[in-house]
C-alpha atoms as a PDB file:
ATOM      1  CA  MET A   1      22.099 -34.638   0.340  1.00  0.00           C
ATOM      2  CA  PRO A   2      19.516 -32.569  -1.629  1.00  0.00           C
ATOM      3  CA  GLU A   3      16.834 -35.143  -0.760  1.00  0.00           C
ATOM      4  CA  PHE A   4      17.671 -34.827   2.948  1.00  0.00           C
ATOM      5  CA  LEU A   5      17.539 -31.026   2.738  1.00  0.00           C
ATOM      6  CA  SER A   6      14.141 -31.146   1.023  1.00  0.00           C
ATOM      7  CA  ILE A   7      12.732 -33.539   3.646  1.00  0.00           C
ATOM      8  CA  PHE A   8      14.138 -31.291   6.369  1.00  0.00           C
ATOM      9  CA  THR A   9      12.457 -28.303   4.693  1.00  0.00           C
ATOM     10  CA  VAL A  10       9.111 -30.118   4.681  1.00  0.00           C
ATOM     11  CA  ILE A  11       9.460 -30.881   8.402  1.00  0.00           C
ATOM     12  CA  ILE A  12      10.356 -27.258   9.186  1.00  0.00           C
ATOM     13  CA  CYS A  13       7.372 -26.014   7.168  1.00  0.00           C
ATOM     14  CA  PHE A  14       4.911 -28.380   8.860  1.00  0.00           C
ATOM     15  CA  CYS A  15       6.207 -27.500  12.317  1.00  0.00           C
ATOM     16  CA  THR A  16       6.046 -23.778  11.557  1.00  0.00           C
ATOM     17  CA  ILE A  17       2.472 -24.006  10.248  1.00  0.00           C
ATOM     18  CA  PHE A  18       1.467 -25.998  13.332  1.00  0.00           C
ATOM     19  CA  ILE A  19       3.068 -23.510  15.743  1.00  0.00           C
ATOM     20  CA  MET A  20       1.560 -20.487  13.968  1.00  0.00           C
ATOM     21  CA  ALA A  21      -1.885 -22.093  13.820  1.00  0.00           C
ATOM     22  CA  ASP A  22      -1.639 -23.132  17.468  1.00  0.00           C
ATOM     23  CA  PHE A  23      -0.558 -19.740  18.822  1.00  0.00           C
ATOM     24  CA  TRP A  24      -2.169 -17.241  16.437  1.00  0.00           C
ATOM     25  CA  GLY A  25      -4.907 -19.008  14.493  1.00  0.00           C
ATOM     26  CA  LYS A  26      -5.700 -17.464  11.114  1.00  0.00           C
ATOM     27  CA  THR A  27      -3.344 -14.525  11.781  1.00  0.00           C
ATOM     28  CA  GLY A  28      -0.440 -16.941  12.084  1.00  0.00           C
ATOM     29  CA  LEU A  29      -1.489 -18.713   8.887  1.00  0.00           C
ATOM     30  CA  PHE A  30      -1.633 -15.355   7.077  1.00  0.00           C
ATOM     31  CA  ALA A  31       1.894 -14.576   8.266  1.00  0.00           C
ATOM     32  CA  TYR A  32       3.227 -17.986   7.201  1.00  0.00           C
ATOM     33  CA  SER A  33       1.710 -17.666   3.735  1.00  0.00           C
ATOM     34  CA  ALA A  34       3.237 -14.202   3.202  1.00  0.00           C
ATOM     35  CA  ILE A  35       6.720 -15.294   4.331  1.00  0.00           C
ATOM     36  CA  ALA A  36       6.586 -18.547   2.344  1.00  0.00           C
ATOM     37  CA  THR A  37       5.500 -16.700  -0.819  1.00  0.00           C
ATOM     38  CA  ILE A  38       8.487 -14.342  -0.618  1.00  0.00           C
ATOM     39  CA  ALA A  39      10.982 -17.085   0.237  1.00  0.00           C
ATOM     40  CA  ALA A  40       9.713 -19.480  -2.454  1.00  0.00           C
ATOM     41  CA  ASN A  41      10.055 -16.837  -5.161  1.00  0.00           C
ATOM     42  CA  ILE A  42      13.689 -16.330  -4.175  1.00  0.00           C
ATOM     43  CA  GLN A  43      14.378 -20.064  -3.962  1.00  0.00           C
ATOM     44  CA  VAL A  44      12.976 -20.666  -7.450  1.00  0.00           C
ATOM     45  CA  LEU A  45      16.010 -18.870  -8.927  1.00  0.00           C
ATOM     46  CA  LYS A  46      18.201 -21.814  -7.901  1.00  0.00           C
ATOM     47  CA  LEU A  47      18.202 -25.348  -9.301  1.00  0.00           C
ATOM     48  CA  THR A  48      19.057 -28.506  -7.409  1.00  0.00           C
ATOM     49  CA  LYS A  49      19.865 -32.059  -8.523  1.00  0.00           C
ATOM     50  CA  TYR A  50      18.300 -35.138  -6.937  1.00  0.00           C
ATOM     51  CA  SER A  51      20.161 -38.428  -7.188  1.00  0.00           C
ATOM     52  CA  ARG A  52      17.320 -40.359  -8.872  1.00  0.00           C
ATOM     53  CA  ILE A  53      16.205 -37.602 -11.241  1.00  0.00           C
ATOM     54  CA  ASP A  54      18.141 -36.869 -14.413  1.00  0.00           C
ATOM     55  CA  ASN A  55      17.086 -33.243 -14.842  1.00  0.00           C
ATOM     56  CA  PRO A  56      17.670 -30.421 -12.348  1.00  0.00           C
ATOM     57  CA  VAL A  57      14.707 -29.206 -10.295  1.00  0.00           C
ATOM     58  CA  ALA A  58      13.857 -25.616  -9.387  1.00  0.00           C
ATOM     59  CA  LEU A  59      13.805 -24.975  -5.649  1.00  0.00           C
ATOM     60  CA  GLY A  60      10.757 -23.389  -4.047  1.00  0.00           C
ATOM     61  CA  THR A  61       8.556 -26.387  -4.803  1.00  0.00           C
ATOM     62  CA  VAL A  62       8.210 -27.385  -1.143  1.00  0.00           C
ATOM     63  CA  LEU A  63       7.302 -23.890   0.033  1.00  0.00           C
ATOM     64  CA  PHE A  64       4.854 -23.308  -2.807  1.00  0.00           C
ATOM     65  CA  SER A  65       3.113 -26.585  -1.982  1.00  0.00           C
ATOM     66  CA  THR A  66       2.698 -25.728   1.699  1.00  0.00           C
ATOM     67  CA  ILE A  67       0.981 -22.443   0.760  1.00  0.00           C
ATOM     68  CA  PHE A  68      -1.836 -24.493  -0.771  1.00  0.00           C
ATOM     69  CA  VAL A  69      -2.098 -26.431   2.494  1.00  0.00           C
ATOM     70  CA  VAL A  70      -2.553 -23.167   4.394  1.00  0.00           C
ATOM     71  CA  ASP A  71      -5.257 -22.097   1.915  1.00  0.00           C
ATOM     72  CA  ASN A  72      -7.173 -25.313   2.495  1.00  0.00           C
ATOM     73  CA  ILE A  73      -6.935 -24.968   6.268  1.00  0.00           C
ATOM     74  CA  LEU A  74      -8.267 -21.409   6.032  1.00  0.00           C
ATOM     75  CA  MET A  75     -11.093 -22.421   3.668  1.00  0.00           C
ATOM     76  CA  GLU A  76     -12.152 -25.376   5.803  1.00  0.00           C
ATOM     77  CA  TYR A  77     -12.171 -23.632   9.175  1.00  0.00           C
ATOM     78  CA  TYR A  78     -12.357 -19.877   8.453  1.00  0.00           C
ATOM     79  CA  GLY A  79     -14.184 -19.697   5.115  1.00  0.00           C
ATOM     80  CA  ALA A  80     -13.318 -18.780   1.522  1.00  0.00           C
ATOM     81  CA  LYS A  81     -13.241 -15.019   2.250  1.00  0.00           C
ATOM     82  CA  ASN A  82     -10.363 -15.431   4.697  1.00  0.00           C
ATOM     83  CA  ALA A  83      -8.527 -17.640   2.202  1.00  0.00           C
ATOM     84  CA  GLN A  84      -8.939 -14.914  -0.430  1.00  0.00           C
ATOM     85  CA  LYS A  85      -7.666 -12.295   2.027  1.00  0.00           C
ATOM     86  CA  CYS A  86      -4.601 -14.469   2.616  1.00  0.00           C
ATOM     87  CA  VAL A  87      -3.918 -14.697  -1.135  1.00  0.00           C
ATOM     88  CA  TRP A  88      -3.985 -10.907  -1.577  1.00  0.00           C
ATOM     89  CA  LEU A  89      -2.030 -10.235   1.623  1.00  0.00           C
ATOM     90  CA  SER A  90       0.749 -12.592   0.468  1.00  0.00           C
ATOM     91  CA  PHE A  91       0.730 -11.026  -2.991  1.00  0.00           C
ATOM     92  CA  LEU A  92       1.009  -7.469  -1.627  1.00  0.00           C
ATOM     93  CA  CYS A  93       3.801  -8.492   0.771  1.00  0.00           C
ATOM     94  CA  TYR A  94       5.768  -9.962  -2.127  1.00  0.00           C
ATOM     95  CA  LEU A  95       5.100  -6.831  -4.227  1.00  0.00           C
ATOM     96  CA  PHE A  96       6.370  -4.623  -1.385  1.00  0.00           C
ATOM     97  CA  PHE A  97       9.450  -6.806  -0.915  1.00  0.00           C
ATOM     98  CA  SER A  98      10.262  -6.789  -4.638  1.00  0.00           C
ATOM     99  CA  LEU A  99       9.940  -3.003  -4.895  1.00  0.00           C
ATOM    100  CA  ILE A 100      12.099  -2.394  -1.824  1.00  0.00           C
ATOM    101  CA  MET A 101      14.851  -4.686  -3.114  1.00  0.00           C
ATOM    102  CA  LYS A 102      14.735  -3.043  -6.547  1.00  0.00           C
ATOM    103  CA  ILE A 103      15.112   0.394  -4.938  1.00  0.00           C
ATOM    104  CA  THR A 104      17.987  -0.974  -2.843  1.00  0.00           C
ATOM    105  CA  ILE A 105      19.819  -2.066  -5.999  1.00  0.00           C
ATOM    106  CA  LEU A 106      19.261   1.342  -7.641  1.00  0.00           C
ATOM    107  CA  HIS A 107      21.071   3.177  -4.825  1.00  0.00           C
ATOM    108  CA  PRO A 108      24.586   4.369  -5.834  1.00  0.00           C
ATOM    109  CA  VAL A 109      27.414   2.051  -4.787  1.00  0.00           C
ATOM    110  CA  ILE A 110      30.123   3.361  -2.459  1.00  0.00           C
ATOM    111  CA  SER A 111      33.626   2.879  -3.870  1.00  0.00           C
ATOM    112  CA  HIS A 112      34.674   0.270  -1.384  1.00  0.00           C
ATOM    113  CA  SER A 113      35.548  -3.304  -2.309  1.00  0.00           C
ATOM    114  CA  GLU A 114      33.226  -4.937   0.239  1.00  0.00           C
ATOM    115  CA  CYS A 115      30.327  -2.633  -0.678  1.00  0.00           C
ATOM    116  CA  ILE A 116      30.823  -3.329  -4.385  1.00  0.00           C
ATOM    117  CA  ASN A 117      30.892  -7.083  -3.773  1.00  0.00           C
ATOM    118  CA  LEU A 118      27.772  -6.976  -1.618  1.00  0.00           C
ATOM    119  CA  HIS A 119      25.970  -4.824  -4.188  1.00  0.00           C
ATOM    120  CA  GLN A 120      26.808  -7.293  -6.936  1.00  0.00           C
ATOM    121  CA  GLU A 121      25.550 -10.195  -4.846  1.00  0.00           C
ATOM    122  CA  LEU A 122      22.263  -8.389  -4.209  1.00  0.00           C
ATOM    123  CA  LYS A 123      21.991  -7.535  -7.889  1.00  0.00           C
ATOM    124  CA  ASN A 124      22.593 -11.133  -8.925  1.00  0.00           C
ATOM    125  CA  ILE A 125      19.812 -12.341  -6.621  1.00  0.00           C
ATOM    126  CA  PHE A 126      17.178  -9.646  -7.017  1.00  0.00           C
ATOM    127  CA  SER A 127      17.688  -8.314 -10.549  1.00  0.00           C
ATOM    128  CA  PRO A 128      15.502 -11.096 -12.004  1.00  0.00           C
ATOM    129  CA  CYS A 129      12.837 -10.164  -9.478  1.00  0.00           C
ATOM    130  CA  PHE A 130      10.426  -8.466 -11.876  1.00  0.00           C
ATOM    131  CA  PRO A 131      10.206 -11.199 -14.556  1.00  0.00           C
ATOM    132  CA  ILE A 132       9.855 -13.716 -11.739  1.00  0.00           C
ATOM    133  CA  PHE A 133       7.414 -11.433  -9.947  1.00  0.00           C
ATOM    134  CA  ILE A 134       5.131 -11.091 -12.961  1.00  0.00           C
ATOM    135  CA  SER A 135       5.195 -14.838 -13.593  1.00  0.00           C
ATOM    136  CA  SER A 136       4.660 -15.617  -9.942  1.00  0.00           C
ATOM    137  CA  ALA A 137       1.904 -13.039  -9.489  1.00  0.00           C
ATOM    138  CA  VAL A 138      -0.140 -14.341 -12.409  1.00  0.00           C
ATOM    139  CA  SER A 139       0.339 -18.035 -11.585  1.00  0.00           C
ATOM    140  CA  TYR A 140      -0.069 -17.492  -7.832  1.00  0.00           C
ATOM    141  CA  ILE A 141      -3.383 -15.646  -8.049  1.00  0.00           C
ATOM    142  CA  ILE A 142      -4.854 -17.989 -10.686  1.00  0.00           C
ATOM    143  CA  GLY A 143      -3.590 -21.096  -8.860  1.00  0.00           C
ATOM    144  CA  GLN A 144      -4.778 -19.960  -5.441  1.00  0.00           C
ATOM    145  CA  TYR A 145      -8.209 -18.961  -6.707  1.00  0.00           C
ATOM    146  CA  ALA A 146      -8.479 -22.284  -8.531  1.00  0.00           C
ATOM    147  CA  ASP A 147      -7.714 -24.014  -5.214  1.00  0.00           C
ATOM    148  CA  ILE A 148     -10.329 -21.933  -3.379  1.00  0.00           C
ATOM    149  CA  TYR A 149     -12.988 -22.494  -6.049  1.00  0.00           C
ATOM    150  CA  ILE A 150     -12.402 -26.268  -6.352  1.00  0.00           C
ATOM    151  CA  PHE A 151     -12.218 -26.814  -2.583  1.00  0.00           C
ATOM    152  CA  SER A 152     -15.376 -24.743  -1.973  1.00  0.00           C
ATOM    153  CA  ALA A 153     -17.281 -26.524  -4.758  1.00  0.00           C
ATOM    154  CA  LEU A 154     -16.276 -29.942  -3.414  1.00  0.00           C
ATOM    155  CA  LYS A 155     -17.233 -28.892   0.126  1.00  0.00           C
ATOM    156  CA  LYS A 156     -20.742 -28.030  -1.036  1.00  0.00           C
ATOM    157  CA  LEU A 157     -20.955 -31.191  -3.125  1.00  0.00           C
ATOM    158  CA  THR A 158     -19.953 -33.424  -0.186  1.00  0.00           C
ATOM    159  CA  ASN A 159     -21.870 -31.454   2.480  1.00  0.00           C
ATOM    160  CA  GLY A 160     -18.634 -30.672   4.317  1.00  0.00           C
ATOM    161  CA  LYS A 161     -17.454 -34.297   4.465  1.00  0.00           C
ATOM    162  CA  TYR A 162     -14.252 -35.966   3.239  1.00  0.00           C
ATOM    163  CA  VAL A 163     -11.894 -33.071   3.987  1.00  0.00           C
ATOM    164  CA  SER A 164      -8.833 -35.166   3.136  1.00  0.00           C
ATOM    165  CA  GLY A 165     -10.184 -36.117  -0.281  1.00  0.00           C
ATOM    166  CA  ARG A 166     -11.265 -32.550  -1.019  1.00  0.00           C
ATOM    167  CA  SER A 167      -7.848 -31.243  -0.006  1.00  0.00           C
ATOM    168  CA  PHE A 168      -6.010 -33.711  -2.231  1.00  0.00           C
ATOM    169  CA  ILE A 169      -8.124 -33.026  -5.327  1.00  0.00           C
ATOM    170  CA  SER A 170      -8.068 -29.231  -4.985  1.00  0.00           C
ATOM    171  CA  MET A 171      -4.327 -29.064  -4.230  1.00  0.00           C
ATOM    172  CA  ALA A 172      -3.432 -31.514  -7.010  1.00  0.00           C
ATOM    173  CA  ILE A 173      -5.358 -29.607  -9.694  1.00  0.00           C
ATOM    174  CA  SER A 174      -4.470 -26.081  -8.563  1.00  0.00           C
ATOM    175  CA  SER A 175      -0.784 -26.994  -8.152  1.00  0.00           C
ATOM    176  CA  LEU A 176      -0.692 -28.192 -11.750  1.00  0.00           C
ATOM    177  CA  VAL A 177      -2.336 -24.944 -12.934  1.00  0.00           C
ATOM    178  CA  ASP A 178       0.092 -22.826 -10.899  1.00  0.00           C
ATOM    179  CA  ASN A 179       3.121 -24.838 -12.028  1.00  0.00           C
ATOM    180  CA  CYS A 180       2.293 -24.733 -15.758  1.00  0.00           C
ATOM    181  CA  ILE A 181       1.506 -21.010 -15.840  1.00  0.00           C
ATOM    182  CA  PHE A 182       4.560 -19.986 -13.814  1.00  0.00           C
ATOM    183  CA  SER A 183       6.968 -22.228 -15.723  1.00  0.00           C
ATOM    184  CA  PHE A 184       5.791 -21.079 -19.144  1.00  0.00           C
ATOM    185  CA  LEU A 185       5.877 -17.374 -18.239  1.00  0.00           C
ATOM    186  CA  ALA A 186       9.127 -17.397 -16.228  1.00  0.00           C
ATOM    187  CA  TRP A 187      11.282 -19.675 -18.362  1.00  0.00           C
ATOM    188  CA  VAL A 188       9.911 -19.071 -21.883  1.00  0.00           C
ATOM    189  CA  ILE A 189       7.852 -15.896 -22.348  1.00  0.00           C
ATOM    190  CA  LEU A 190       9.706 -13.510 -20.004  1.00  0.00           C
ATOM    191  CA  ALA A 191      13.123 -15.193 -19.810  1.00  0.00           C
ATOM    192  CA  GLU A 192      16.161 -13.516 -21.373  1.00  0.00           C
ATOM    193  CA  ASN A 193      17.370 -16.946 -22.482  1.00  0.00           C
ATOM    194  CA  PRO A 194      14.209 -19.041 -22.970  1.00  0.00           C
ATOM    195  CA  VAL A 195      14.518 -22.776 -22.396  1.00  0.00           C
ATOM    196  CA  SER A 196      13.329 -25.254 -24.994  1.00  0.00           C
ATOM    197  CA  LEU A 197       9.792 -26.595 -24.706  1.00  0.00           C
ATOM    198  CA  SER A 198      11.110 -30.129 -24.114  1.00  0.00           C
ATOM    199  CA  SER A 199      13.344 -28.891 -21.282  1.00  0.00           C
ATOM    200  CA  LEU A 200      10.450 -26.837 -19.884  1.00  0.00           C
ATOM    201  CA  TRP A 201       8.218 -29.905 -19.883  1.00  0.00           C
ATOM    202  CA  LYS A 202      10.763 -32.280 -18.313  1.00  0.00           C
ATOM    203  CA  THR A 203      12.529 -29.965 -15.844  1.00  0.00           C
ATOM    204  CA  TYR A 204       9.979 -27.396 -14.772  1.00  0.00           C
ATOM    205  CA  ILE A 205       6.624 -29.112 -15.178  1.00  0.00           C
ATOM    206  CA  VAL A 206       6.686 -32.929 -15.003  1.00  0.00           C
ATOM    207  CA  ILE A 207       9.410 -33.353 -12.380  1.00  0.00           C
ATOM    208  CA  THR A 208       8.375 -30.354 -10.297  1.00  0.00           C
ATOM    209  CA  TYR A 209       4.719 -31.378 -10.354  1.00  0.00           C
ATOM    210  CA  THR A 210       5.612 -34.941  -9.346  1.00  0.00           C
ATOM    211  CA  ILE A 211       7.435 -33.558  -6.308  1.00  0.00           C
ATOM    212  CA  ARG A 212       4.464 -31.329  -5.548  1.00  0.00           C
ATOM    213  CA  LEU A 213       2.116 -34.324  -5.681  1.00  0.00           C
ATOM    214  CA  ILE A 214       4.312 -36.205  -3.204  1.00  0.00           C
ATOM    215  CA  ILE A 215       4.188 -33.229  -0.851  1.00  0.00           C
ATOM    216  CA  VAL A 216       0.420 -32.873  -1.362  1.00  0.00           C
ATOM    217  CA  VAL A 217      -0.129 -36.508  -0.355  1.00  0.00           C
ATOM    218  CA  SER A 218       1.947 -36.014   2.803  1.00  0.00           C
ATOM    219  CA  CYS A 219       0.147 -32.727   3.553  1.00  0.00           C
ATOM    220  CA  VAL A 220      -3.447 -33.950   3.245  1.00  0.00           C
ATOM    221  CA  PRO A 221      -3.747 -35.469   6.778  1.00  0.00           C
ATOM    222  CA  LEU A 222      -2.362 -32.235   8.222  1.00  0.00           C
ATOM    223  CA  VAL A 223      -5.410 -30.231   7.116  1.00  0.00           C
ATOM    224  CA  LYS A 224      -7.497 -32.316   9.503  1.00  0.00           C
ATOM    225  CA  LEU A 225      -4.826 -32.265  12.244  1.00  0.00           C
ATOM    226  CA  PHE A 226      -4.454 -28.486  12.155  1.00  0.00           C
ATOM    227  CA  GLY A 227      -8.225 -28.201  12.180  1.00  0.00           C
ATOM    228  CA  VAL A 228      -8.376 -30.011  15.525  1.00  0.00           C
ATOM    229  CA  VAL A 229      -5.903 -27.475  16.967  1.00  0.00           C
ATOM    230  CA  ILE A 230      -7.781 -24.489  15.530  1.00  0.00           C
ATOM    231  CA  LEU A 231     -11.198 -25.707  16.656  1.00  0.00           C
ATOM    232  CA  ARG A 232      -9.893 -26.468  20.146  1.00  0.00           C
ATOM    233  CA  LYS A 233      -8.148 -23.146  20.744  1.00  0.00           C
ATOM    234  CA  PHE A 234     -10.117 -20.628  18.718  1.00  0.00           C
ATOM    235  CA  HIS A 235     -13.631 -22.151  18.644  1.00  0.00           C
ATOM    236  CA  VAL A 236     -14.200 -21.308  14.976  1.00  0.00           C
END
């Protein structure tokens, strides 16, 4: 069941990126990246269990991986500056969302059973927002800029050829950087109950990165496919 849900999530993400790129070009890709960043940082608070993997896996892996795909599409067809704009737009949207939800929790609770229950549910979900936010902000910006730098360097090195190979290498390396930084900050340095280093390595780094690599491999051809759509409709 979890495997089916993850595959379904990948399909939804690919379809959404395609629709947004087809109808709105880089504006649609900016919007997708901002929404995916917020949603992935909420998903990461929950663990899931795959049938063939012994350790639980943090959700959000699929969404985080597709953000790197969007970055590569932007870099290939709109340039590094637009990819950098997308990184900061997504970051500021997540900052705004986190602050608004924190303010929402700080509002006094009305003495009504349903209101108290709803408040507690919100608190349970969004109270960890700031440790997660700090971890995510640091790893997201470093990981995204690593992706931009590697992809741009490879593009110059190959004279704009081999987009699939460039996408795979840049996403594979930057995903590992993002994953290691986020996992160490969120589950060890800033966590109220830090996990052991062995658990961190097995659950949050090795397994999660393996899943990311699988998604990266499936995403690579899409960079070229989305490029055909963008070039046809928006003449970039």
